[in-house]
Amino acid sequence: MSTQPAKALETFVNPKPERDYTIKIEIPEFTCLCPKTGQPDFATLYIDYIPDQLCVELKALKMYVWSFRDEGAFHEAITNQMLDELIGACSPRYMKLRSKFNVRGGIYTDVVCEYEKS
């Protein structure tokens, strides 16, 4: 059975919910499509978060990231969408998502979105 991209984000119970600690994830192979040209955009994603009751399961995260491969979206929109969906899945105390896109037309794009639970 082959693995397929999926929008479902899975979680697991935080093994130490009484402590603040940071989980740092680097995803160097993110791809999506430019909504204007249809050309591929490549980025490295950096996720830093302080979990509350749940943590993001990494294989499901990989399949989730892969699901954007054939979608057209502006860098700003896709970064905010992913942050919103990650927050919806695990409700962290804090989360930051940075999308560092490769150069295109001589311009680099680096989008940073943050969330902090009130």
PDB file of N, CA and C in Angstrom:
ATOM      1  N   MET A   1       0.850  -1.178   0.000  1.00  0.00           N
ATOM      2  CA  MET A   1       0.000   0.000   0.000  1.00  0.00           C
ATOM      3  C   MET A   1       0.896   1.242   0.000  1.00  0.00           C
ATOM      4  N   SER A   2       0.679   2.137  -0.938  1.00  0.00           N
ATOM      5  CA  SER A   2       1.499   3.341  -1.002  1.00  0.00           C
ATOM      6  C   SER A   2       0.921   4.432  -0.104  1.00  0.00           C
ATOM      7  N   THR A   3       1.788   5.312   0.313  1.00  0.00           N
ATOM      8  CA  THR A   3       1.387   6.426   1.154  1.00  0.00           C
ATOM      9  C   THR A   3       0.894   7.559   0.265  1.00  0.00           C
ATOM     10  N   GLN A   4      -0.162   8.203   0.678  1.00  0.00           N
ATOM     11  CA  GLN A   4      -0.761   9.282  -0.092  1.00  0.00           C
ATOM     12  C   GLN A   4      -0.814  10.564   0.737  1.00  0.00           C
ATOM     13  N   PRO A   5      -0.783  11.727   0.070  1.00  0.00           N
ATOM     14  CA  PRO A   5      -0.938  12.979   0.822  1.00  0.00           C
ATOM     15  C   PRO A   5      -2.311  13.032   1.470  1.00  0.00           C
ATOM     16  N   ALA A   6      -2.395  13.737   2.602  1.00  0.00           N
ATOM     17  CA  ALA A   6      -3.663  13.827   3.328  1.00  0.00           C
ATOM     18  C   ALA A   6      -3.733  15.120   4.111  1.00  0.00           C
ATOM     19  N   LYS A   7      -4.924  15.688   4.200  1.00  0.00           N
ATOM     20  CA  LYS A   7      -5.122  16.934   4.956  1.00  0.00           C
ATOM     21  C   LYS A   7      -5.299  16.682   6.455  1.00  0.00           C
ATOM     22  N   ALA A   8      -5.504  15.444   6.849  1.00  0.00           N
ATOM     23  CA  ALA A   8      -5.750  15.130   8.265  1.00  0.00           C
ATOM     24  C   ALA A   8      -4.466  15.278   9.084  1.00  0.00           C
ATOM     25  N   LEU A   9      -4.538  16.079  10.125  1.00  0.00           N
ATOM     26  CA  LEU A   9      -3.428  16.217  11.068  1.00  0.00           C
ATOM     27  C   LEU A   9      -3.747  15.387  12.298  1.00  0.00           C
ATOM     28  N   GLU A  10      -2.884  14.459  12.622  1.00  0.00           N
ATOM     29  CA  GLU A  10      -3.082  13.616  13.795  1.00  0.00           C
ATOM     30  C   GLU A  10      -2.260  14.161  14.954  1.00  0.00           C
ATOM     31  N   THR A  11      -2.684  13.818  16.158  1.00  0.00           N
ATOM     32  CA  THR A  11      -1.998  14.261  17.371  1.00  0.00           C
ATOM     33  C   THR A  11      -1.824  13.082  18.314  1.00  0.00           C
ATOM     34  N   PHE A  12      -1.040  13.308  19.354  1.00  0.00           N
ATOM     35  CA  PHE A  12      -0.920  12.346  20.453  1.00  0.00           C
ATOM     36  C   PHE A  12      -0.841  13.138  21.747  1.00  0.00           C
ATOM     37  N   VAL A  13      -1.090  12.478  22.849  1.00  0.00           N
ATOM     38  CA  VAL A  13      -1.131  13.134  24.151  1.00  0.00           C
ATOM     39  C   VAL A  13       0.270  13.599  24.547  1.00  0.00           C
ATOM     40  N   ASN A  14       0.358  14.854  24.961  1.00  0.00           N
ATOM     41  CA  ASN A  14       1.617  15.430  25.436  1.00  0.00           C
ATOM     42  C   ASN A  14       2.094  14.636  26.657  1.00  0.00           C
ATOM     43  N   PRO A  15       3.294  14.082  26.614  1.00  0.00           N
ATOM     44  CA  PRO A  15       3.776  13.288  27.742  1.00  0.00           C
ATOM     45  C   PRO A  15       4.126  14.114  28.987  1.00  0.00           C
ATOM     46  N   LYS A  16       4.233  15.438  28.851  1.00  0.00           N
ATOM     47  CA  LYS A  16       4.597  16.290  29.991  1.00  0.00           C
ATOM     48  C   LYS A  16       3.836  17.623  29.916  1.00  0.00           C
ATOM     49  N   PRO A  17       2.487  17.583  30.014  1.00  0.00           N
ATOM     50  CA  PRO A  17       1.689  18.797  29.821  1.00  0.00           C
ATOM     51  C   PRO A  17       1.878  19.853  30.915  1.00  0.00           C
ATOM     52  N   GLU A  18       2.413  19.469  32.046  1.00  0.00           N
ATOM     53  CA  GLU A  18       2.601  20.439  33.131  1.00  0.00           C
ATOM     54  C   GLU A  18       3.840  21.311  32.928  1.00  0.00           C
ATOM     55  N   ARG A  19       4.643  20.995  31.925  1.00  0.00           N
ATOM     56  CA  ARG A  19       5.889  21.729  31.682  1.00  0.00           C
ATOM     57  C   ARG A  19       5.843  22.433  30.328  1.00  0.00           C
ATOM     58  N   ASP A  20       6.319  23.667  30.278  1.00  0.00           N
ATOM     59  CA  ASP A  20       6.531  24.341  29.001  1.00  0.00           C
ATOM     60  C   ASP A  20       7.838  23.840  28.402  1.00  0.00           C
ATOM     61  N   TYR A  21       7.772  23.322  27.208  1.00  0.00           N
ATOM     62  CA  TYR A  21       8.967  22.959  26.450  1.00  0.00           C
ATOM     63  C   TYR A  21       8.667  23.197  24.983  1.00  0.00           C
ATOM     64  N   THR A  22       9.695  23.445  24.214  1.00  0.00           N
ATOM     65  CA  THR A  22       9.519  23.799  22.813  1.00  0.00           C
ATOM     66  C   THR A  22       9.875  22.628  21.903  1.00  0.00           C
ATOM     67  N   ILE A  23       8.995  22.385  20.946  1.00  0.00           N
ATOM     68  CA  ILE A  23       9.246  21.398  19.897  1.00  0.00           C
ATOM     69  C   ILE A  23       9.579  22.192  18.639  1.00  0.00           C
ATOM     70  N   LYS A  24      10.713  21.872  18.030  1.00  0.00           N
ATOM     71  CA  LYS A  24      11.155  22.547  16.806  1.00  0.00           C
ATOM     72  C   LYS A  24      11.172  21.531  15.670  1.00  0.00           C
ATOM     73  N   ILE A  25      10.508  21.876  14.583  1.00  0.00           N
ATOM     74  CA  ILE A  25      10.405  20.991  13.423  1.00  0.00           C
ATOM     75  C   ILE A  25      10.885  21.758  12.195  1.00  0.00           C
ATOM     76  N   GLU A  26      11.722  21.120  11.402  1.00  0.00           N
ATOM     77  CA  GLU A  26      12.190  21.708  10.147  1.00  0.00           C
ATOM     78  C   GLU A  26      11.785  20.782   9.010  1.00  0.00           C
ATOM     79  N   ILE A  27      11.129  21.356   8.001  1.00  0.00           N
ATOM     80  CA  ILE A  27      10.652  20.584   6.854  1.00  0.00           C
ATOM     81  C   ILE A  27      11.256  21.222   5.597  1.00  0.00           C
ATOM     82  N   PRO A  28      12.336  20.633   5.075  1.00  0.00           N
ATOM     83  CA  PRO A  28      13.070  21.280   3.979  1.00  0.00           C
ATOM     84  C   PRO A  28      12.513  21.038   2.575  1.00  0.00           C
ATOM     85  N   GLU A  29      11.441  20.272   2.426  1.00  0.00           N
ATOM     86  CA  GLU A  29      10.986  19.904   1.092  1.00  0.00           C
ATOM     87  C   GLU A  29       9.539  20.289   0.818  1.00  0.00           C
ATOM     88  N   PHE A  30       9.108  21.456   1.310  1.00  0.00           N
ATOM     89  CA  PHE A  30       7.746  21.908   1.050  1.00  0.00           C
ATOM     90  C   PHE A  30       7.635  22.428  -0.378  1.00  0.00           C
ATOM     91  N   THR A  31       6.556  22.040  -1.070  1.00  0.00           N
ATOM     92  CA  THR A  31       6.287  22.571  -2.400  1.00  0.00           C
ATOM     93  C   THR A  31       4.811  22.897  -2.536  1.00  0.00           C
ATOM     94  N   CYS A  32       4.539  23.940  -3.303  1.00  0.00           N
ATOM     95  CA  CYS A  32       3.193  24.309  -3.698  1.00  0.00           C
ATOM     96  C   CYS A  32       3.319  24.956  -5.076  1.00  0.00           C
ATOM     97  N   LEU A  33       2.229  25.459  -5.613  1.00  0.00           N
ATOM     98  CA  LEU A  33       2.263  26.070  -6.933  1.00  0.00           C
ATOM     99  C   LEU A  33       1.972  27.562  -6.840  1.00  0.00           C
ATOM    100  N   CYS A  34       2.633  28.337  -7.683  1.00  0.00           N
ATOM    101  CA  CYS A  34       2.341  29.760  -7.795  1.00  0.00           C
ATOM    102  C   CYS A  34       0.951  29.898  -8.417  1.00  0.00           C
ATOM    103  N   PRO A  35       0.039  30.657  -7.781  1.00  0.00           N
ATOM    104  CA  PRO A  35      -1.313  30.775  -8.333  1.00  0.00           C
ATOM    105  C   PRO A  35      -1.374  31.599  -9.622  1.00  0.00           C
ATOM    106  N   LYS A  36      -0.343  32.357  -9.899  1.00  0.00           N
ATOM    107  CA  LYS A  36      -0.312  33.172 -11.129  1.00  0.00           C
ATOM    108  C   LYS A  36       0.247  32.402 -12.320  1.00  0.00           C
ATOM    109  N   THR A  37       1.341  31.662 -12.093  1.00  0.00           N
ATOM    110  CA  THR A  37       2.041  31.018 -13.205  1.00  0.00           C
ATOM    111  C   THR A  37       1.876  29.505 -13.256  1.00  0.00           C
ATOM    112  N   GLY A  38       1.486  28.898 -12.138  1.00  0.00           N
ATOM    113  CA  GLY A  38       1.405  27.444 -12.061  1.00  0.00           C
ATOM    114  C   GLY A  38       2.759  26.782 -11.862  1.00  0.00           C
ATOM    115  N   GLN A  39       3.809  27.590 -11.748  1.00  0.00           N
ATOM    116  CA  GLN A  39       5.153  27.061 -11.531  1.00  0.00           C
ATOM    117  C   GLN A  39       5.306  26.621 -10.077  1.00  0.00           C
ATOM    118  N   PRO A  40       6.153  25.636  -9.818  1.00  0.00           N
ATOM    119  CA  PRO A  40       6.339  25.183  -8.432  1.00  0.00           C
ATOM    120  C   PRO A  40       7.125  26.201  -7.599  1.00  0.00           C
ATOM    121  N   ASP A  41       6.723  26.325  -6.349  1.00  0.00           N
ATOM    122  CA  ASP A  41       7.451  27.106  -5.349  1.00  0.00           C
ATOM    123  C   ASP A  41       7.984  26.126  -4.318  1.00  0.00           C
ATOM    124  N   PHE A  42       9.204  26.358  -3.871  1.00  0.00           N
ATOM    125  CA  PHE A  42       9.852  25.482  -2.900  1.00  0.00           C
ATOM    126  C   PHE A  42      10.182  26.276  -1.651  1.00  0.00           C
ATOM    127  N   ALA A  43      10.009  25.647  -0.497  1.00  0.00           N
ATOM    128  CA  ALA A  43      10.289  26.342   0.760  1.00  0.00           C
ATOM    129  C   ALA A  43      10.758  25.360   1.818  1.00  0.00           C
ATOM    130  N   THR A  44      11.418  25.916   2.813  1.00  0.00           N
ATOM    131  CA  THR A  44      11.689  25.188   4.050  1.00  0.00           C
ATOM    132  C   THR A  44      10.735  25.743   5.097  1.00  0.00           C
ATOM    133  N   LEU A  45      10.020  24.852   5.769  1.00  0.00           N
ATOM    134  CA  LEU A  45       9.104  25.250   6.835  1.00  0.00           C
ATOM    135  C   LEU A  45       9.779  25.036   8.176  1.00  0.00           C
ATOM    136  N   TYR A  46       9.607  25.992   9.075  1.00  0.00           N
ATOM    137  CA  TYR A  46      10.122  25.895  10.435  1.00  0.00           C
ATOM    138  C   TYR A  46       8.939  26.069  11.379  1.00  0.00           C
ATOM    139  N   ILE A  47       8.679  25.065  12.181  1.00  0.00           N
ATOM    140  CA  ILE A  47       7.593  25.119  13.156  1.00  0.00           C
ATOM    141  C   ILE A  47       8.211  25.047  14.549  1.00  0.00           C
ATOM    142  N   ASP A  48       7.900  26.028  15.368  1.00  0.00           N
ATOM    143  CA  ASP A  48       8.286  26.024  16.784  1.00  0.00           C
ATOM    144  C   ASP A  48       6.986  26.094  17.577  1.00  0.00           C
ATOM    145  N   TYR A  49       6.816  25.177  18.527  1.00  0.00           N
ATOM    146  CA  TYR A  49       5.604  25.292  19.336  1.00  0.00           C
ATOM    147  C   TYR A  49       5.805  24.741  20.740  1.00  0.00           C
ATOM    148  N   ILE A  50       4.995  25.295  21.640  1.00  0.00           N
ATOM    149  CA  ILE A  50       4.910  24.817  23.017  1.00  0.00           C
ATOM    150  C   ILE A  50       3.569  24.098  23.113  1.00  0.00           C
ATOM    151  N   PRO A  51       3.592  22.780  23.251  1.00  0.00           N
ATOM    152  CA  PRO A  51       2.325  22.045  23.277  1.00  0.00           C
ATOM    153  C   PRO A  51       1.568  22.281  24.584  1.00  0.00           C
ATOM    154  N   ASP A  52       0.260  22.080  24.507  1.00  0.00           N
ATOM    155  CA  ASP A  52      -0.554  22.087  25.714  1.00  0.00           C
ATOM    156  C   ASP A  52      -0.884  20.625  26.021  1.00  0.00           C
ATOM    157  N   GLN A  53      -2.050  20.161  25.637  1.00  0.00           N
ATOM    158  CA  GLN A  53      -2.442  18.775  25.921  1.00  0.00           C
ATOM    159  C   GLN A  53      -2.071  17.801  24.795  1.00  0.00           C
ATOM    160  N   LEU A  54      -1.843  18.338  23.585  1.00  0.00           N
ATOM    161  CA  LEU A  54      -1.593  17.485  22.424  1.00  0.00           C
ATOM    162  C   LEU A  54      -0.338  17.907  21.673  1.00  0.00           C
ATOM    163  N   CYS A  55       0.300  16.939  21.027  1.00  0.00           N
ATOM    164  CA  CYS A  55       1.453  17.180  20.151  1.00  0.00           C
ATOM    165  C   CYS A  55       1.083  16.713  18.743  1.00  0.00           C
ATOM    166  N   VAL A  56       1.715  17.295  17.737  1.00  0.00           N
ATOM    167  CA  VAL A  56       1.483  16.920  16.345  1.00  0.00           C
ATOM    168  C   VAL A  56       2.278  15.660  16.018  1.00  0.00           C
ATOM    169  N   GLU A  57       1.612  14.699  15.410  1.00  0.00           N
ATOM    170  CA  GLU A  57       2.263  13.454  15.014  1.00  0.00           C
ATOM    171  C   GLU A  57       3.003  13.697  13.699  1.00  0.00           C
ATOM    172  N   LEU A  58       4.274  13.314  13.636  1.00  0.00           N
ATOM    173  CA  LEU A  58       5.143  13.712  12.534  1.00  0.00           C
ATOM    174  C   LEU A  58       4.830  13.066  11.183  1.00  0.00           C
ATOM    175  N   LYS A  59       4.443  11.804  11.155  1.00  0.00           N
ATOM    176  CA  LYS A  59       4.119  11.189   9.860  1.00  0.00           C
ATOM    177  C   LYS A  59       2.887  11.861   9.260  1.00  0.00           C
ATOM    178  N   ALA A  60       1.883  12.125  10.086  1.00  0.00           N
ATOM    179  CA  ALA A  60       0.685  12.816   9.602  1.00  0.00           C
ATOM    180  C   ALA A  60       1.040  14.228   9.132  1.00  0.00           C
ATOM    181  N   LEU A  61       1.975  14.882   9.823  1.00  0.00           N
ATOM    182  CA  LEU A  61       2.425  16.205   9.408  1.00  0.00           C
ATOM    183  C   LEU A  61       3.094  16.129   8.039  1.00  0.00           C
ATOM    184  N   LYS A  62       3.891  15.116   7.824  1.00  0.00           N
ATOM    185  CA  LYS A  62       4.552  14.924   6.529  1.00  0.00           C
ATOM    186  C   LYS A  62       3.519  14.770   5.411  1.00  0.00           C
ATOM    187  N   MET A  63       2.490  13.951   5.632  1.00  0.00           N
ATOM    188  CA  MET A  63       1.449  13.739   4.630  1.00  0.00           C
ATOM    189  C   MET A  63       0.635  15.020   4.410  1.00  0.00           C
ATOM    190  N   TYR A  64       0.422  15.783   5.485  1.00  0.00           N
ATOM    191  CA  TYR A  64      -0.292  17.060   5.399  1.00  0.00           C
ATOM    192  C   TYR A  64       0.493  18.048   4.529  1.00  0.00           C
ATOM    193  N   VAL A  65       1.775  18.183   4.797  1.00  0.00           N
ATOM    194  CA  VAL A  65       2.622  19.095   4.022  1.00  0.00           C
ATOM    195  C   VAL A  65       2.647  18.670   2.556  1.00  0.00           C
ATOM    196  N   TRP A  66       2.728  17.393   2.310  1.00  0.00           N
ATOM    197  CA  TRP A  66       2.741  16.856   0.961  1.00  0.00           C
ATOM    198  C   TRP A  66       1.448  17.206   0.207  1.00  0.00           C
ATOM    199  N   SER A  67       0.333  17.350   0.924  1.00  0.00           N
ATOM    200  CA  SER A  67      -0.958  17.608   0.279  1.00  0.00           C
ATOM    201  C   SER A  67      -1.020  18.966  -0.422  1.00  0.00           C
ATOM    202  N   PHE A  68      -0.084  19.856  -0.150  1.00  0.00           N
ATOM    203  CA  PHE A  68      -0.070  21.178  -0.780  1.00  0.00           C
ATOM    204  C   PHE A  68       0.675  21.176  -2.119  1.00  0.00           C
ATOM    205  N   ARG A  69       1.265  20.083  -2.470  1.00  0.00           N
ATOM    206  CA  ARG A  69       2.139  20.013  -3.644  1.00  0.00           C
ATOM    207  C   ARG A  69       1.481  20.497  -4.939  1.00  0.00           C
ATOM    208  N   ASP A  70       0.215  20.193  -5.128  1.00  0.00           N
ATOM    209  CA  ASP A  70      -0.477  20.565  -6.364  1.00  0.00           C
ATOM    210  C   ASP A  70      -1.471  21.708  -6.170  1.00  0.00           C
ATOM    211  N   GLU A  71      -1.362  22.421  -5.057  1.00  0.00           N
ATOM    212  CA  GLU A  71      -2.269  23.536  -4.787  1.00  0.00           C
ATOM    213  C   GLU A  71      -1.598  24.866  -5.109  1.00  0.00           C
ATOM    214  N   GLY A  72      -2.356  25.752  -5.714  1.00  0.00           N
ATOM    215  CA  GLY A  72      -1.862  27.094  -5.979  1.00  0.00           C
ATOM    216  C   GLY A  72      -2.269  28.034  -4.862  1.00  0.00           C
ATOM    217  N   ALA A  73      -1.291  28.750  -4.313  1.00  0.00           N
ATOM    218  CA  ALA A  73      -1.590  29.700  -3.231  1.00  0.00           C
ATOM    219  C   ALA A  73      -0.427  30.672  -3.081  1.00  0.00           C
ATOM    220  N   PHE A  74      -0.753  31.883  -2.699  1.00  0.00           N
ATOM    221  CA  PHE A  74       0.289  32.854  -2.388  1.00  0.00           C
ATOM    222  C   PHE A  74       0.990  32.430  -1.102  1.00  0.00           C
ATOM    223  N   HIS A  75       2.250  32.765  -0.992  1.00  0.00           N
ATOM    224  CA  HIS A  75       3.057  32.369   0.173  1.00  0.00           C
ATOM    225  C   HIS A  75       2.407  32.803   1.480  1.00  0.00           C
ATOM    226  N   GLU A  76       1.894  34.016   1.512  1.00  0.00           N
ATOM    227  CA  GLU A  76       1.296  34.553   2.741  1.00  0.00           C
ATOM    228  C   GLU A  76       0.038  33.772   3.122  1.00  0.00           C
ATOM    229  N   ALA A  77      -0.764  33.446   2.122  1.00  0.00           N
ATOM    230  CA  ALA A  77      -2.018  32.725   2.378  1.00  0.00           C
ATOM    231  C   ALA A  77      -1.764  31.306   2.858  1.00  0.00           C
ATOM    232  N   ILE A  78      -0.845  30.623   2.216  1.00  0.00           N
ATOM    233  CA  ILE A  78      -0.608  29.220   2.557  1.00  0.00           C
ATOM    234  C   ILE A  78       0.028  29.093   3.942  1.00  0.00           C
ATOM    235  N   THR A  79       0.896  30.041   4.305  1.00  0.00           N
ATOM    236  CA  THR A  79       1.527  30.013   5.630  1.00  0.00           C
ATOM    237  C   THR A  79       0.482  30.239   6.716  1.00  0.00           C
ATOM    238  N   ASN A  80      -0.397  31.221   6.523  1.00  0.00           N
ATOM    239  CA  ASN A  80      -1.458  31.470   7.502  1.00  0.00           C
ATOM    240  C   ASN A  80      -2.440  30.313   7.581  1.00  0.00           C
ATOM    241  N   GLN A  81      -2.777  29.712   6.445  1.00  0.00           N
ATOM    242  CA  GLN A  81      -3.682  28.560   6.445  1.00  0.00           C
ATOM    243  C   GLN A  81      -3.089  27.399   7.232  1.00  0.00           C
ATOM    244  N   MET A  82      -1.826  27.110   6.988  1.00  0.00           N
ATOM    245  CA  MET A  82      -1.191  25.994   7.699  1.00  0.00           C
ATOM    246  C   MET A  82      -1.133  26.264   9.196  1.00  0.00           C
ATOM    247  N   LEU A  83      -0.799  27.491   9.591  1.00  0.00           N
ATOM    248  CA  LEU A  83      -0.765  27.802  11.024  1.00  0.00           C
ATOM    249  C   LEU A  83      -2.149  27.607  11.637  1.00  0.00           C
ATOM    250  N   ASP A  84      -3.187  28.121  10.976  1.00  0.00           N
ATOM    251  CA  ASP A  84      -4.554  27.959  11.487  1.00  0.00           C
ATOM    252  C   ASP A  84      -4.929  26.488  11.644  1.00  0.00           C
ATOM    253  N   GLU A  85      -4.570  25.663  10.671  1.00  0.00           N
ATOM    254  CA  GLU A  85      -4.927  24.242  10.722  1.00  0.00           C
ATOM    255  C   GLU A  85      -4.114  23.496  11.777  1.00  0.00           C
ATOM    256  N   LEU A  86      -2.860  23.872  11.959  1.00  0.00           N
ATOM    257  CA  LEU A  86      -2.048  23.269  13.024  1.00  0.00           C
ATOM    258  C   LEU A  86      -2.598  23.636  14.401  1.00  0.00           C
ATOM    259  N   ILE A  87      -2.976  24.885  14.575  1.00  0.00           N
ATOM    260  CA  ILE A  87      -3.569  25.333  15.847  1.00  0.00           C
ATOM    261  C   ILE A  87      -4.871  24.576  16.095  1.00  0.00           C
ATOM    262  N   GLY A  88      -5.676  24.435  15.048  1.00  0.00           N
ATOM    263  CA  GLY A  88      -6.941  23.705  15.181  1.00  0.00           C
ATOM    264  C   GLY A  88      -6.753  22.255  15.589  1.00  0.00           C
ATOM    265  N   ALA A  89      -5.658  21.658  15.149  1.00  0.00           N
ATOM    266  CA  ALA A  89      -5.413  20.253  15.449  1.00  0.00           C
ATOM    267  C   ALA A  89      -4.909  20.032  16.868  1.00  0.00           C
ATOM    268  N   CYS A  90      -4.005  20.897  17.354  1.00  0.00           N
ATOM    269  CA  CYS A  90      -3.366  20.588  18.638  1.00  0.00           C
ATOM    270  C   CYS A  90      -3.514  21.660  19.713  1.00  0.00           C
ATOM    271  N   SER A  91      -4.102  22.794  19.391  1.00  0.00           N
ATOM    272  CA  SER A  91      -4.346  23.863  20.363  1.00  0.00           C
ATOM    273  C   SER A  91      -3.136  24.116  21.275  1.00  0.00           C
ATOM    274  N   PRO A  92      -2.011  24.516  20.690  1.00  0.00           N
ATOM    275  CA  PRO A  92      -0.790  24.704  21.486  1.00  0.00           C
ATOM    276  C   PRO A  92      -0.855  25.949  22.364  1.00  0.00           C
ATOM    277  N   ARG A  93       0.052  26.040  23.310  1.00  0.00           N
ATOM    278  CA  ARG A  93       0.183  27.266  24.104  1.00  0.00           C
ATOM    279  C   ARG A  93       0.785  28.372  23.258  1.00  0.00           C
ATOM    280  N   TYR A  94       1.694  27.984  22.371  1.00  0.00           N
ATOM    281  CA  TYR A  94       2.356  28.937  21.476  1.00  0.00           C
ATOM    282  C   TYR A  94       2.765  28.184  20.211  1.00  0.00           C
ATOM    283  N   MET A  95       2.689  28.872  19.063  1.00  0.00           N
ATOM    284  CA  MET A  95       3.176  28.271  17.824  1.00  0.00           C
ATOM    285  C   MET A  95       3.632  29.370  16.877  1.00  0.00           C
ATOM    286  N   LYS A  96       4.748  29.099  16.216  1.00  0.00           N
ATOM    287  CA  LYS A  96       5.259  29.981  15.166  1.00  0.00           C
ATOM    288  C   LYS A  96       5.566  29.117  13.952  1.00  0.00           C
ATOM    289  N   LEU A  97       5.110  29.585  12.792  1.00  0.00           N
ATOM    290  CA  LEU A  97       5.401  28.920  11.530  1.00  0.00           C
ATOM    291  C   LEU A  97       6.122  29.909  10.635  1.00  0.00           C
ATOM    292  N   ARG A  98       7.276  29.500  10.170  1.00  0.00           N
ATOM    293  CA  ARG A  98       8.069  30.311   9.244  1.00  0.00           C
ATOM    294  C   ARG A  98       8.186  29.538   7.944  1.00  0.00           C
ATOM    295  N   SER A  99       7.837  30.188   6.835  1.00  0.00           N
ATOM    296  CA  SER A  99       7.973  29.604   5.502  1.00  0.00           C
ATOM    297  C   SER A  99       9.042  30.395   4.767  1.00  0.00           C
ATOM    298  N   LYS A 100      10.186  29.768   4.571  1.00  0.00           N
ATOM    299  CA  LYS A 100      11.303  30.422   3.892  1.00  0.00           C
ATOM    300  C   LYS A 100      11.361  29.888   2.460  1.00  0.00           C
ATOM    301  N   PHE A 101      10.808  30.678   1.527  1.00  0.00           N
ATOM    302  CA  PHE A 101      10.712  30.250   0.138  1.00  0.00           C
ATOM    303  C   PHE A 101      12.012  30.510  -0.609  1.00  0.00           C
ATOM    304  N   ASN A 102      12.319  29.603  -1.531  1.00  0.00           N
ATOM    305  CA  ASN A 102      13.499  29.757  -2.378  1.00  0.00           C
ATOM    306  C   ASN A 102      13.309  30.953  -3.305  1.00  0.00           C
ATOM    307  N   VAL A 103      14.410  31.422  -3.837  1.00  0.00           N
ATOM    308  CA  VAL A 103      14.389  32.585  -4.723  1.00  0.00           C
ATOM    309  C   VAL A 103      13.553  32.306  -5.969  1.00  0.00           C
ATOM    310  N   ARG A 104      12.805  33.332  -6.374  1.00  0.00           N
ATOM    311  CA  ARG A 104      12.027  33.268  -7.616  1.00  0.00           C
ATOM    312  C   ARG A 104      12.065  34.664  -8.215  1.00  0.00           C
ATOM    313  N   GLY A 105      12.615  34.775  -9.410  1.00  0.00           N
ATOM    314  CA  GLY A 105      12.715  36.072 -10.066  1.00  0.00           C
ATOM    315  C   GLY A 105      13.612  37.042  -9.312  1.00  0.00           C
ATOM    316  N   GLY A 106      14.601  36.512  -8.590  1.00  0.00           N
ATOM    317  CA  GLY A 106      15.523  37.358  -7.845  1.00  0.00           C
ATOM    318  C   GLY A 106      14.992  37.828  -6.505  1.00  0.00           C
ATOM    319  N   ILE A 107      13.842  37.292  -6.067  1.00  0.00           N
ATOM    320  CA  ILE A 107      13.220  37.723  -4.813  1.00  0.00           C
ATOM    321  C   ILE A 107      13.020  36.522  -3.898  1.00  0.00           C
ATOM    322  N   TYR A 108      13.458  36.676  -2.655  1.00  0.00           N
ATOM    323  CA  TYR A 108      13.203  35.678  -1.613  1.00  0.00           C
ATOM    324  C   TYR A 108      11.982  36.118  -0.815  1.00  0.00           C
ATOM    325  N   THR A 109      11.168  35.167  -0.398  1.00  0.00           N
ATOM    326  CA  THR A 109      10.032  35.457   0.476  1.00  0.00           C
ATOM    327  C   THR A 109      10.185  34.633   1.742  1.00  0.00           C
ATOM    328  N   ASP A 110      10.016  35.300   2.872  1.00  0.00           N
ATOM    329  CA  ASP A 110      10.119  34.661   4.186  1.00  0.00           C
ATOM    330  C   ASP A 110       8.909  35.130   4.988  1.00  0.00           C
ATOM    331  N   VAL A 111       7.927  34.247   5.190  1.00  0.00           N
ATOM    332  CA  VAL A 111       6.689  34.602   5.884  1.00  0.00           C
ATOM    333  C   VAL A 111       6.708  33.971   7.275  1.00  0.00           C
ATOM    334  N   VAL A 112       6.440  34.784   8.303  1.00  0.00           N
ATOM    335  CA  VAL A 112       6.431  34.304   9.691  1.00  0.00           C
ATOM    336  C   VAL A 112       5.081  34.634  10.310  1.00  0.00           C
ATOM    337  N   CYS A 113       4.400  33.621  10.831  1.00  0.00           N
ATOM    338  CA  CYS A 113       3.114  33.780  11.522  1.00  0.00           C
ATOM    339  C   CYS A 113       3.242  33.215  12.926  1.00  0.00           C
ATOM    340  N   GLU A 114       2.626  33.886  13.889  1.00  0.00           N
ATOM    341  CA  GLU A 114       2.695  33.427  15.275  1.00  0.00           C
ATOM    342  C   GLU A 114       1.324  33.404  15.917  1.00  0.00           C
ATOM    343  N   TYR A 115       1.207  32.534  16.923  1.00  0.00           N
ATOM    344  CA  TYR A 115      -0.023  32.410  17.706  1.00  0.00           C
ATOM    345  C   TYR A 115       0.374  32.181  19.174  1.00  0.00           C
ATOM    346  N   GLU A 116      -0.370  32.825  20.057  1.00  0.00           N
ATOM    347  CA  GLU A 116      -0.175  32.585  21.492  1.00  0.00           C
ATOM    348  C   GLU A 116      -1.534  32.458  22.150  1.00  0.00           C
ATOM    349  N   LYS A 117      -1.733  31.363  22.879  1.00  0.00           N
ATOM    350  CA  LYS A 117      -3.002  31.133  23.568  1.00  0.00           C
ATOM    351  C   LYS A 117      -3.171  32.186  24.651  1.00  0.00           C
ATOM    352  N   SER A 118      -4.371  32.748  24.736  1.00  0.00           N
ATOM    353  CA  SER A 118      -4.616  33.786  25.759  1.00  0.00           C
ATOM    354  C   SER A 118      -4.948  33.191  27.101  1.00  0.00           C
TER     355      SER A 118
END
